[in-house]
Amino acid sequence: METKYKTVEELLENPKRWTQLSTARDAEGTNVCYLSNRATSWCLWGAMRKVLSGADQETANKAVRELTGCGAVHFNDNHNHEEVMALVRAAKI
C-alpha cells in the first residue's frame, strides 16, 4: 500500500526519498514517472506534482521562484538535500 504524504516536506524529509536529474526514480535508480507506484524518490518538482493539487502547485511554483529566482527543477538539481529542504520549509510546501 502506498503511503500518502500531506506535504512536500513530509515526502522529501528523508534523503533516501529525494533525487536529482529526474522527476522520480524507482528503488534501482531507474527514471520513472513521479506518479508511478514504483517511484521511491522524487526531485522537488516531482514531489510538488505528486503531493499538491493544481492550484497549490501554482502557489508552490510561485513561492519557489520568488525565494530562489529560478524554478524548482533548476534549484533541485543544483543544490544539496539540506538546501532543498530549507527552501521547502521557507516556501511552506
N, C-alpha and C. Protein backbone atom coordinates (compact mmCIF):
# COMPACT_ATOMS: atom_id res chain seq x y z
N MET A 1 0.84 -1.19 0.00
CA MET A 1 0.00 0.00 0.00
C MET A 1 0.89 1.25 0.00
N GLU A 2 0.56 2.19 -0.86
CA GLU A 2 1.33 3.42 -0.99
C GLU A 2 1.05 4.37 0.16
N THR A 3 2.11 4.97 0.70
CA THR A 3 1.97 5.97 1.75
C THR A 3 1.51 7.27 1.12
N LYS A 4 0.57 7.93 1.74
CA LYS A 4 0.09 9.23 1.29
C LYS A 4 0.79 10.32 2.10
N TYR A 5 1.44 11.23 1.40
CA TYR A 5 2.14 12.32 2.06
C TYR A 5 1.29 13.58 1.95
N LYS A 6 1.23 14.35 3.05
CA LYS A 6 0.40 15.54 3.07
C LYS A 6 1.12 16.78 2.57
N THR A 7 2.46 16.77 2.68
CA THR A 7 3.23 17.94 2.24
C THR A 7 4.48 17.47 1.50
N VAL A 8 5.03 18.37 0.71
CA VAL A 8 6.30 18.10 0.03
C VAL A 8 7.39 17.87 1.07
N GLU A 9 7.36 18.64 2.14
CA GLU A 9 8.34 18.48 3.20
C GLU A 9 8.30 17.06 3.78
N GLU A 10 7.13 16.57 4.05
CA GLU A 10 6.99 15.22 4.59
C GLU A 10 7.53 14.17 3.63
N LEU A 11 7.26 14.34 2.33
CA LEU A 11 7.73 13.38 1.33
C LEU A 11 9.25 13.40 1.21
N LEU A 12 9.84 14.57 1.16
CA LEU A 12 11.27 14.69 0.88
C LEU A 12 12.17 14.74 2.12
N GLU A 13 11.60 14.75 3.32
CA GLU A 13 12.42 14.93 4.52
C GLU A 13 13.49 13.84 4.67
N ASN A 14 13.21 12.64 4.22
CA ASN A 14 14.20 11.56 4.26
C ASN A 14 15.03 11.66 2.98
N PRO A 15 16.35 11.85 3.09
CA PRO A 15 17.19 11.99 1.88
C PRO A 15 17.07 10.80 0.92
N LYS A 16 16.68 9.65 1.41
CA LYS A 16 16.50 8.48 0.53
C LYS A 16 15.31 8.66 -0.40
N ARG A 17 14.40 9.59 -0.08
CA ARG A 17 13.23 9.84 -0.93
C ARG A 17 13.44 11.05 -1.83
N TRP A 18 14.67 11.53 -1.94
CA TRP A 18 15.00 12.69 -2.77
C TRP A 18 15.96 12.28 -3.87
N THR A 19 15.81 12.88 -5.05
CA THR A 19 16.72 12.60 -6.16
C THR A 19 16.99 13.87 -6.95
N GLN A 20 17.95 13.77 -7.84
CA GLN A 20 18.28 14.85 -8.75
C GLN A 20 18.32 14.32 -10.17
N LEU A 21 18.16 15.22 -11.14
CA LEU A 21 18.26 14.92 -12.58
C LEU A 21 17.20 13.95 -13.07
N SER A 22 16.12 13.82 -12.34
CA SER A 22 14.97 13.00 -12.72
C SER A 22 13.80 13.43 -11.85
N THR A 23 12.59 13.40 -12.39
CA THR A 23 11.44 13.77 -11.55
C THR A 23 11.18 12.71 -10.49
N ALA A 24 11.53 11.45 -10.81
CA ALA A 24 11.38 10.36 -9.83
C ALA A 24 12.21 9.17 -10.27
N ARG A 25 12.55 8.33 -9.30
CA ARG A 25 13.31 7.11 -9.57
C ARG A 25 12.71 5.96 -8.76
N ASP A 26 12.91 4.75 -9.27
CA ASP A 26 12.48 3.57 -8.53
C ASP A 26 13.62 3.12 -7.61
N ALA A 27 13.43 2.03 -6.90
CA ALA A 27 14.41 1.54 -5.93
C ALA A 27 15.75 1.21 -6.56
N GLU A 28 15.76 0.91 -7.87
CA GLU A 28 17.01 0.60 -8.56
C GLU A 28 17.68 1.84 -9.15
N GLY A 29 17.04 3.00 -9.03
CA GLY A 29 17.59 4.23 -9.55
C GLY A 29 17.18 4.55 -10.98
N THR A 30 16.26 3.78 -11.52
CA THR A 30 15.77 4.00 -12.88
C THR A 30 14.75 5.13 -12.88
N ASN A 31 14.81 6.00 -13.89
CA ASN A 31 13.82 7.08 -14.03
C ASN A 31 12.43 6.48 -14.21
N VAL A 32 11.48 7.03 -13.46
CA VAL A 32 10.06 6.64 -13.59
C VAL A 32 9.22 7.90 -13.48
N CYS A 33 7.97 7.80 -13.85
CA CYS A 33 7.03 8.92 -13.70
C CYS A 33 6.85 9.23 -12.21
N TYR A 34 6.73 10.50 -11.88
CA TYR A 34 6.56 10.89 -10.48
C TYR A 34 5.28 10.33 -9.87
N LEU A 35 4.33 9.88 -10.69
CA LEU A 35 3.10 9.27 -10.19
C LEU A 35 3.16 7.74 -10.14
N SER A 36 4.25 7.18 -10.62
CA SER A 36 4.38 5.72 -10.66
C SER A 36 4.36 5.13 -9.26
N ASN A 37 3.71 3.99 -9.13
CA ASN A 37 3.73 3.30 -7.83
C ASN A 37 5.09 2.67 -7.56
N ARG A 38 5.98 2.66 -8.56
CA ARG A 38 7.35 2.17 -8.38
C ARG A 38 8.29 3.26 -7.87
N ALA A 39 7.86 4.52 -7.93
CA ALA A 39 8.72 5.63 -7.51
C ALA A 39 9.02 5.54 -6.02
N THR A 40 10.30 5.71 -5.69
CA THR A 40 10.73 5.70 -4.29
C THR A 40 11.48 6.98 -3.91
N SER A 41 11.83 7.79 -4.92
CA SER A 41 12.47 9.08 -4.65
C SER A 41 12.02 10.07 -5.72
N TRP A 42 11.99 11.36 -5.32
CA TRP A 42 11.48 12.41 -6.19
C TRP A 42 12.37 13.64 -6.11
N CYS A 43 12.42 14.40 -7.19
CA CYS A 43 13.03 15.72 -7.13
C CYS A 43 11.98 16.68 -6.56
N LEU A 44 12.37 17.89 -6.31
CA LEU A 44 11.43 18.87 -5.77
C LEU A 44 10.21 19.03 -6.68
N TRP A 45 10.44 19.17 -7.98
CA TRP A 45 9.33 19.36 -8.92
C TRP A 45 8.41 18.13 -8.91
N GLY A 46 8.98 16.93 -8.98
CA GLY A 46 8.19 15.71 -8.96
C GLY A 46 7.39 15.56 -7.68
N ALA A 47 8.00 15.94 -6.56
CA ALA A 47 7.30 15.87 -5.27
C ALA A 47 6.14 16.87 -5.23
N MET A 48 6.36 18.05 -5.77
CA MET A 48 5.29 19.04 -5.82
C MET A 48 4.12 18.52 -6.64
N ARG A 49 4.42 17.87 -7.77
CA ARG A 49 3.37 17.33 -8.63
C ARG A 49 2.65 16.16 -7.97
N LYS A 50 3.39 15.35 -7.24
CA LYS A 50 2.80 14.18 -6.59
C LYS A 50 1.87 14.57 -5.44
N VAL A 51 2.30 15.54 -4.64
CA VAL A 51 1.62 15.84 -3.39
C VAL A 51 0.55 16.93 -3.51
N LEU A 52 0.80 17.94 -4.34
CA LEU A 52 -0.06 19.12 -4.36
C LEU A 52 -1.10 19.08 -5.47
N SER A 53 -2.23 19.73 -5.22
CA SER A 53 -3.27 19.88 -6.23
C SER A 53 -2.84 20.96 -7.22
N GLY A 54 -3.57 21.10 -8.31
CA GLY A 54 -3.23 22.06 -9.36
C GLY A 54 -3.00 23.47 -8.87
N ALA A 55 -3.95 24.02 -8.11
CA ALA A 55 -3.82 25.39 -7.61
C ALA A 55 -2.66 25.49 -6.62
N ASP A 56 -2.50 24.50 -5.78
CA ASP A 56 -1.41 24.51 -4.81
C ASP A 56 -0.05 24.36 -5.51
N GLN A 57 -0.02 23.66 -6.63
CA GLN A 57 1.21 23.54 -7.40
C GLN A 57 1.64 24.91 -7.91
N GLU A 58 0.68 25.67 -8.42
CA GLU A 58 0.99 27.01 -8.93
C GLU A 58 1.48 27.93 -7.82
N THR A 59 0.85 27.85 -6.65
CA THR A 59 1.27 28.65 -5.50
C THR A 59 2.69 28.27 -5.08
N ALA A 60 2.97 26.98 -5.05
CA ALA A 60 4.30 26.49 -4.68
C ALA A 60 5.34 26.93 -5.70
N ASN A 61 5.02 26.81 -6.99
CA ASN A 61 5.94 27.26 -8.04
C ASN A 61 6.27 28.74 -7.88
N LYS A 62 5.26 29.54 -7.60
CA LYS A 62 5.46 30.97 -7.42
C LYS A 62 6.37 31.24 -6.22
N ALA A 63 6.12 30.54 -5.12
CA ALA A 63 6.95 30.72 -3.91
C ALA A 63 8.40 30.34 -4.18
N VAL A 64 8.62 29.23 -4.87
CA VAL A 64 9.98 28.78 -5.19
C VAL A 64 10.68 29.84 -6.04
N ARG A 65 10.01 30.35 -7.05
CA ARG A 65 10.61 31.37 -7.93
C ARG A 65 10.92 32.65 -7.16
N GLU A 66 10.00 33.06 -6.28
CA GLU A 66 10.23 34.28 -5.51
C GLU A 66 11.40 34.12 -4.55
N LEU A 67 11.55 32.95 -3.97
CA LEU A 67 12.61 32.72 -2.99
C LEU A 67 13.98 32.45 -3.63
N THR A 68 13.98 31.91 -4.84
CA THR A 68 15.26 31.49 -5.44
C THR A 68 15.63 32.22 -6.72
N GLY A 69 14.65 32.79 -7.39
CA GLY A 69 14.91 33.41 -8.69
C GLY A 69 14.99 32.40 -9.81
N CYS A 70 14.68 31.14 -9.53
CA CYS A 70 14.70 30.10 -10.56
C CYS A 70 13.58 29.10 -10.27
N GLY A 71 13.42 28.14 -11.14
CA GLY A 71 12.39 27.14 -10.97
C GLY A 71 12.82 25.99 -10.08
N ALA A 72 11.86 25.16 -9.73
CA ALA A 72 12.10 24.03 -8.83
C ALA A 72 13.12 23.04 -9.38
N VAL A 73 13.03 22.75 -10.67
CA VAL A 73 13.95 21.77 -11.27
C VAL A 73 15.39 22.28 -11.20
N HIS A 74 15.61 23.51 -11.62
CA HIS A 74 16.96 24.08 -11.59
C HIS A 74 17.51 24.11 -10.17
N PHE A 75 16.70 24.58 -9.24
CA PHE A 75 17.17 24.66 -7.85
C PHE A 75 17.50 23.27 -7.32
N ASN A 76 16.61 22.32 -7.51
CA ASN A 76 16.81 20.96 -7.02
C ASN A 76 18.10 20.35 -7.56
N ASP A 77 18.33 20.51 -8.85
CA ASP A 77 19.46 19.85 -9.49
C ASP A 77 20.79 20.55 -9.25
N ASN A 78 20.76 21.73 -8.66
CA ASN A 78 21.99 22.48 -8.41
C ASN A 78 22.24 22.76 -6.93
N HIS A 79 21.49 22.09 -6.07
CA HIS A 79 21.65 22.26 -4.62
C HIS A 79 21.56 20.90 -3.93
N ASN A 80 22.06 20.84 -2.71
CA ASN A 80 22.02 19.58 -1.98
C ASN A 80 20.68 19.41 -1.24
N HIS A 81 20.50 18.25 -0.67
CA HIS A 81 19.24 17.92 0.02
C HIS A 81 18.93 18.92 1.13
N GLU A 82 19.92 19.27 1.91
CA GLU A 82 19.70 20.21 3.00
C GLU A 82 19.20 21.56 2.49
N GLU A 83 19.78 22.04 1.40
CA GLU A 83 19.37 23.32 0.82
C GLU A 83 17.96 23.23 0.23
N VAL A 84 17.64 22.11 -0.40
CA VAL A 84 16.30 21.92 -0.95
C VAL A 84 15.28 21.90 0.19
N MET A 85 15.61 21.22 1.27
CA MET A 85 14.68 21.17 2.40
C MET A 85 14.51 22.53 3.05
N ALA A 86 15.56 23.33 3.11
CA ALA A 86 15.44 24.69 3.64
C ALA A 86 14.48 25.50 2.77
N LEU A 87 14.58 25.33 1.46
CA LEU A 87 13.65 26.02 0.55
C LEU A 87 12.22 25.53 0.76
N VAL A 88 12.04 24.23 0.87
CA VAL A 88 10.70 23.66 1.08
C VAL A 88 10.08 24.24 2.35
N ARG A 89 10.87 24.34 3.39
CA ARG A 89 10.36 24.90 4.66
C ARG A 89 10.05 26.39 4.52
N ALA A 90 10.92 27.13 3.85
CA ALA A 90 10.69 28.56 3.65
C ALA A 90 9.45 28.82 2.81
N ALA A 91 9.23 27.96 1.82
CA ALA A 91 8.07 28.09 0.94
C ALA A 91 6.81 27.51 1.56
N LYS A 92 6.98 26.80 2.67
CA LYS A 92 5.86 26.17 3.40
C LYS A 92 5.08 25.22 2.52
N ILE A 93 5.85 24.35 1.82
CA ILE A 93 5.22 23.36 0.97
C ILE A 93 5.57 21.97 1.47
